[in-house]
Amino acid sequence: MPEIAKFYGIIIKLFFGDHPPPHFHTMYGEYNAVFNIETLEMIEGDFPSRATKMVLE
């Protein structure tokens, strides 16, 4: 999965042609989460609130 961004230890990855809905994967230390691209809702996983705010920004 190609990395599209890396900041403050947060990695955002996007895989073209992955299952619906359109989403991106995030990693931060031991935490992993999947966010819907259209709504920016966390649809899977667990992420610290501070890191979530940075991802959504």
PDB file of N, CA and C in Angstrom:
ATOM      1  N   MET A   1       0.850  -1.164   0.000  1.00  0.00           N
ATOM      2  CA  MET A   1       0.000   0.000   0.000  1.00  0.00           C
ATOM      3  C   MET A   1       0.905   1.240   0.000  1.00  0.00           C
ATOM      4  N   PRO A   2       0.760   2.102  -0.979  1.00  0.00           N
ATOM      5  CA  PRO A   2       1.615   3.286  -1.038  1.00  0.00           C
ATOM      6  C   PRO A   2       1.278   4.314   0.049  1.00  0.00           C
ATOM      7  N   GLU A   3       2.328   4.889   0.625  1.00  0.00           N
ATOM      8  CA  GLU A   3       2.152   5.961   1.605  1.00  0.00           C
ATOM      9  C   GLU A   3       1.886   7.260   0.853  1.00  0.00           C
ATOM     10  N   ILE A   4       0.856   8.000   1.291  1.00  0.00           N
ATOM     11  CA  ILE A   4       0.589   9.284   0.644  1.00  0.00           C
ATOM     12  C   ILE A   4       0.940  10.457   1.550  1.00  0.00           C
ATOM     13  N   ALA A   5       1.116  10.184   2.859  1.00  0.00           N
ATOM     14  CA  ALA A   5       1.528  11.244   3.781  1.00  0.00           C
ATOM     15  C   ALA A   5       2.150  10.625   5.018  1.00  0.00           C
ATOM     16  N   LYS A   6       3.088  11.373   5.600  1.00  0.00           N
ATOM     17  CA  LYS A   6       3.725  10.962   6.845  1.00  0.00           C
ATOM     18  C   LYS A   6       4.051  12.229   7.636  1.00  0.00           C
ATOM     19  N   PHE A   7       3.486  12.347   8.837  1.00  0.00           N
ATOM     20  CA  PHE A   7       3.718  13.524   9.668  1.00  0.00           C
ATOM     21  C   PHE A   7       3.495  13.172  11.124  1.00  0.00           C
ATOM     22  N   TYR A   8       4.341  13.714  12.012  1.00  0.00           N
ATOM     23  CA  TYR A   8       4.247  13.504  13.456  1.00  0.00           C
ATOM     24  C   TYR A   8       4.076  12.033  13.837  1.00  0.00           C
ATOM     25  N   GLY A   9       4.679  11.150  13.076  1.00  0.00           N
ATOM     26  CA  GLY A   9       4.578   9.723  13.354  1.00  0.00           C
ATOM     27  C   GLY A   9       3.319   9.069  12.812  1.00  0.00           C
ATOM     28  N   ILE A  10       2.466   9.840  12.161  1.00  0.00           N
ATOM     29  CA  ILE A  10       1.228   9.312  11.570  1.00  0.00           C
ATOM     30  C   ILE A  10       1.511   8.993  10.101  1.00  0.00           C
ATOM     31  N   ILE A  11       1.108   7.813   9.669  1.00  0.00           N
ATOM     32  CA  ILE A  11       1.279   7.407   8.272  1.00  0.00           C
ATOM     33  C   ILE A  11      -0.104   7.215   7.667  1.00  0.00           C
ATOM     34  N   ILE A  12      -0.321   7.795   6.486  1.00  0.00           N
ATOM     35  CA  ILE A  12      -1.582   7.642   5.761  1.00  0.00           C
ATOM     36  C   ILE A  12      -1.281   6.891   4.476  1.00  0.00           C
ATOM     37  N   LYS A  13      -2.039   5.815   4.259  1.00  0.00           N
ATOM     38  CA  LYS A  13      -1.846   4.989   3.070  1.00  0.00           C
ATOM     39  C   LYS A  13      -3.168   4.863   2.316  1.00  0.00           C
ATOM     40  N   LEU A  14      -3.043   4.737   1.003  1.00  0.00           N
ATOM     41  CA  LEU A  14      -4.213   4.619   0.143  1.00  0.00           C
ATOM     42  C   LEU A  14      -3.927   3.543  -0.884  1.00  0.00           C
ATOM     43  N   PHE A  15      -4.854   2.640  -1.038  1.00  0.00           N
ATOM     44  CA  PHE A  15      -4.698   1.562  -2.006  1.00  0.00           C
ATOM     45  C   PHE A  15      -5.761   1.708  -3.085  1.00  0.00           C
ATOM     46  N   PHE A  16      -5.338   1.890  -4.322  1.00  0.00           N
ATOM     47  CA  PHE A  16      -6.257   2.059  -5.437  1.00  0.00           C
ATOM     48  C   PHE A  16      -6.981   0.745  -5.709  1.00  0.00           C
ATOM     49  N   GLY A  17      -8.276   0.800  -5.919  1.00  0.00           N
ATOM     50  CA  GLY A  17      -9.065  -0.374  -6.267  1.00  0.00           C
ATOM     51  C   GLY A  17      -9.424  -1.240  -5.073  1.00  0.00           C
ATOM     52  N   ASP A  18      -9.271  -0.727  -3.861  1.00  0.00           N
ATOM     53  CA  ASP A  18      -9.625  -1.468  -2.656  1.00  0.00           C
ATOM     54  C   ASP A  18     -11.147  -1.532  -2.543  1.00  0.00           C
ATOM     55  N   HIS A  19     -11.650  -2.300  -1.612  1.00  0.00           N
ATOM     56  CA  HIS A  19     -13.094  -2.494  -1.431  1.00  0.00           C
ATOM     57  C   HIS A  19     -13.802  -1.184  -1.085  1.00  0.00           C
ATOM     58  N   PRO A  20     -15.097  -1.066  -1.449  1.00  0.00           N
ATOM     59  CA  PRO A  20     -15.867   0.129  -1.087  1.00  0.00           C
ATOM     60  C   PRO A  20     -16.150   0.148   0.412  1.00  0.00           C
ATOM     61  N   PRO A  21     -16.478   1.268   0.981  1.00  0.00           N
ATOM     62  CA  PRO A  21     -16.499   2.616   0.423  1.00  0.00           C
ATOM     63  C   PRO A  21     -15.064   3.144   0.264  1.00  0.00           C
ATOM     64  N   PRO A  22     -14.877   4.201  -0.540  1.00  0.00           N
ATOM     65  CA  PRO A  22     -13.542   4.788  -0.690  1.00  0.00           C
ATOM     66  C   PRO A  22     -13.002   5.200   0.688  1.00  0.00           C
ATOM     67  N   HIS A  23     -11.778   4.791   0.989  1.00  0.00           N
ATOM     68  CA  HIS A  23     -11.238   5.010   2.320  1.00  0.00           C
ATOM     69  C   HIS A  23      -9.718   5.102   2.274  1.00  0.00           C
ATOM     70  N   PHE A  24      -9.120   5.534   3.393  1.00  0.00           N
ATOM     71  CA  PHE A  24      -7.669   5.506   3.538  1.00  0.00           C
ATOM     72  C   PHE A  24      -7.327   4.895   4.891  1.00  0.00           C
ATOM     73  N   HIS A  25      -6.148   4.316   4.967  1.00  0.00           N
ATOM     74  CA  HIS A  25      -5.677   3.650   6.168  1.00  0.00           C
ATOM     75  C   HIS A  25      -4.688   4.566   6.887  1.00  0.00           C
ATOM     76  N   THR A  26      -4.752   4.585   8.218  1.00  0.00           N
ATOM     77  CA  THR A  26      -3.818   5.384   9.004  1.00  0.00           C
ATOM     78  C   THR A  26      -3.138   4.498  10.039  1.00  0.00           C
ATOM     79  N   MET A  27      -1.890   4.838  10.355  1.00  0.00           N
ATOM     80  CA  MET A  27      -1.129   4.126  11.373  1.00  0.00           C
ATOM     81  C   MET A  27      -0.406   5.131  12.245  1.00  0.00           C
ATOM     82  N   TYR A  28      -0.393   4.863  13.526  1.00  0.00           N
ATOM     83  CA  TYR A  28       0.298   5.725  14.485  1.00  0.00           C
ATOM     84  C   TYR A  28       0.747   4.833  15.637  1.00  0.00           C
ATOM     85  N   GLY A  29       2.024   4.470  15.654  1.00  0.00           N
ATOM     86  CA  GLY A  29       2.516   3.535  16.662  1.00  0.00           C
ATOM     87  C   GLY A  29       1.782   2.221  16.560  1.00  0.00           C
ATOM     88  N   GLU A  30       1.152   1.798  17.647  1.00  0.00           N
ATOM     89  CA  GLU A  30       0.413   0.530  17.645  1.00  0.00           C
ATOM     90  C   GLU A  30      -1.045   0.686  17.187  1.00  0.00           C
ATOM     91  N   TYR A  31      -1.459   1.904  16.860  1.00  0.00           N
ATOM     92  CA  TYR A  31      -2.841   2.169  16.474  1.00  0.00           C
ATOM     93  C   TYR A  31      -3.014   2.107  14.961  1.00  0.00           C
ATOM     94  N   ASN A  32      -4.160   1.588  14.535  1.00  0.00           N
ATOM     95  CA  ASN A  32      -4.529   1.529  13.117  1.00  0.00           C
ATOM     96  C   ASN A  32      -5.991   1.920  12.995  1.00  0.00           C
ATOM     97  N   ALA A  33      -6.322   2.626  11.923  1.00  0.00           N
ATOM     98  CA  ALA A  33      -7.714   2.994  11.685  1.00  0.00           C
ATOM     99  C   ALA A  33      -7.943   3.174  10.192  1.00  0.00           C
ATOM    100  N   VAL A  34      -9.209   3.080   9.810  1.00  0.00           N
ATOM    101  CA  VAL A  34      -9.626   3.294   8.423  1.00  0.00           C
ATOM    102  C   VAL A  34     -10.659   4.411   8.439  1.00  0.00           C
ATOM    103  N   PHE A  35     -10.472   5.409   7.561  1.00  0.00           N
ATOM    104  CA  PHE A  35     -11.373   6.560   7.485  1.00  0.00           C
ATOM    105  C   PHE A  35     -12.046   6.603   6.117  1.00  0.00           C
ATOM    106  N   ASN A  36     -13.341   6.870   6.114  1.00  0.00           N
ATOM    107  CA  ASN A  36     -14.093   7.067   4.882  1.00  0.00           C
ATOM    108  C   ASN A  36     -13.645   8.391   4.263  1.00  0.00           C
ATOM    109  N   ILE A  37     -13.318   8.393   2.989  1.00  0.00           N
ATOM    110  CA  ILE A  37     -12.835   9.605   2.326  1.00  0.00           C
ATOM    111  C   ILE A  37     -13.935  10.656   2.201  1.00  0.00           C
ATOM    112  N   GLU A  38     -15.145  10.238   1.903  1.00  0.00           N
ATOM    113  CA  GLU A  38     -16.235  11.191   1.666  1.00  0.00           C
ATOM    114  C   GLU A  38     -16.727  11.850   2.952  1.00  0.00           C
ATOM    115  N   THR A  39     -16.874  11.076   4.028  1.00  0.00           N
ATOM    116  CA  THR A  39     -17.446  11.615   5.270  1.00  0.00           C
ATOM    117  C   THR A  39     -16.391  11.896   6.344  1.00  0.00           C
ATOM    118  N   LEU A  40     -15.181  11.400   6.152  1.00  0.00           N
ATOM    119  CA  LEU A  40     -14.080  11.480   7.115  1.00  0.00           C
ATOM    120  C   LEU A  40     -14.414  10.795   8.436  1.00  0.00           C
ATOM    121  N   GLU A  41     -15.366   9.887   8.409  1.00  0.00           N
ATOM    122  CA  GLU A  41     -15.754   9.111   9.579  1.00  0.00           C
ATOM    123  C   GLU A  41     -14.794   7.931   9.740  1.00  0.00           C
ATOM    124  N   MET A  42     -14.397   7.638  10.983  1.00  0.00           N
ATOM    125  CA  MET A  42     -13.580   6.460  11.248  1.00  0.00           C
ATOM    126  C   MET A  42     -14.496   5.244  11.129  1.00  0.00           C
ATOM    127  N   ILE A  43     -14.206   4.364  10.184  1.00  0.00           N
ATOM    128  CA  ILE A  43     -15.090   3.231   9.953  1.00  0.00           C
ATOM    129  C   ILE A  43     -14.539   1.921  10.510  1.00  0.00           C
ATOM    130  N   GLU A  44     -13.282   1.948  10.952  1.00  0.00           N
ATOM    131  CA  GLU A  44     -12.678   0.741  11.491  1.00  0.00           C
ATOM    132  C   GLU A  44     -11.461   1.109  12.324  1.00  0.00           C
ATOM    133  N   GLY A  45     -11.218   0.357  13.379  1.00  0.00           N
ATOM    134  CA  GLY A  45      -9.999   0.527  14.144  1.00  0.00           C
ATOM    135  C   GLY A  45     -10.137   1.437  15.346  1.00  0.00           C
ATOM    136  N   ASP A  46      -8.973   1.819  15.876  1.00  0.00           N
ATOM    137  CA  ASP A  46      -8.884   2.634  17.079  1.00  0.00           C
ATOM    138  C   ASP A  46      -7.742   3.620  16.885  1.00  0.00           C
ATOM    139  N   PHE A  47      -7.955   4.861  17.246  1.00  0.00           N
ATOM    140  CA  PHE A  47      -6.957   5.901  17.049  1.00  0.00           C
ATOM    141  C   PHE A  47      -7.085   6.909  18.177  1.00  0.00           C
ATOM    142  N   PRO A  48      -5.979   7.415  18.720  1.00  0.00           N
ATOM    143  CA  PRO A  48      -6.067   8.444  19.764  1.00  0.00           C
ATOM    144  C   PRO A  48      -6.757   9.704  19.221  1.00  0.00           C
ATOM    145  N   SER A  49      -7.507  10.379  20.059  1.00  0.00           N
ATOM    146  CA  SER A  49      -8.279  11.540  19.598  1.00  0.00           C
ATOM    147  C   SER A  49      -7.376  12.647  19.056  1.00  0.00           C
ATOM    148  N   ARG A  50      -6.231  12.863  19.681  1.00  0.00           N
ATOM    149  CA  ARG A  50      -5.316  13.911  19.205  1.00  0.00           C
ATOM    150  C   ARG A  50      -4.795  13.594  17.800  1.00  0.00           C
ATOM    151  N   ALA A  51      -4.443  12.338  17.551  1.00  0.00           N
ATOM    152  CA  ALA A  51      -3.966  11.926  16.235  1.00  0.00           C
ATOM    153  C   ALA A  51      -5.100  11.983  15.219  1.00  0.00           C
ATOM    154  N   THR A  52      -6.302  11.633  15.631  1.00  0.00           N
ATOM    155  CA  THR A  52      -7.465  11.706  14.743  1.00  0.00           C
ATOM    156  C   THR A  52      -7.700  13.137  14.277  1.00  0.00           C
ATOM    157  N   LYS A  53      -7.598  14.087  15.193  1.00  0.00           N
ATOM    158  CA  LYS A  53      -7.783  15.496  14.830  1.00  0.00           C
ATOM    159  C   LYS A  53      -6.753  15.945  13.792  1.00  0.00           C
ATOM    160  N   MET A  54      -5.502  15.476  13.949  1.00  0.00           N
ATOM    161  CA  MET A  54      -4.461  15.844  12.974  1.00  0.00           C
ATOM    162  C   MET A  54      -4.741  15.218  11.610  1.00  0.00           C
ATOM    163  N   VAL A  55      -5.214  13.995  11.595  1.00  0.00           N
ATOM    164  CA  VAL A  55      -5.537  13.327  10.320  1.00  0.00           C
ATOM    165  C   VAL A  55      -6.664  14.071   9.623  1.00  0.00           C
ATOM    166  N   LEU A  56      -7.697  14.434  10.351  1.00  0.00           N
ATOM    167  CA  LEU A  56      -8.854  15.093   9.747  1.00  0.00           C
ATOM    168  C   LEU A  56      -8.539  16.506   9.283  1.00  0.00           C
ATOM    169  N   GLU A  57      -7.547  17.129   9.901  1.00  0.00           N
ATOM    170  CA  GLU A  57      -7.148  18.471   9.500  1.00  0.00           C
ATOM    171  C   GLU A  57      -6.520  18.412   8.130  1.00  0.00           C
TER     172      GLU A  57
END
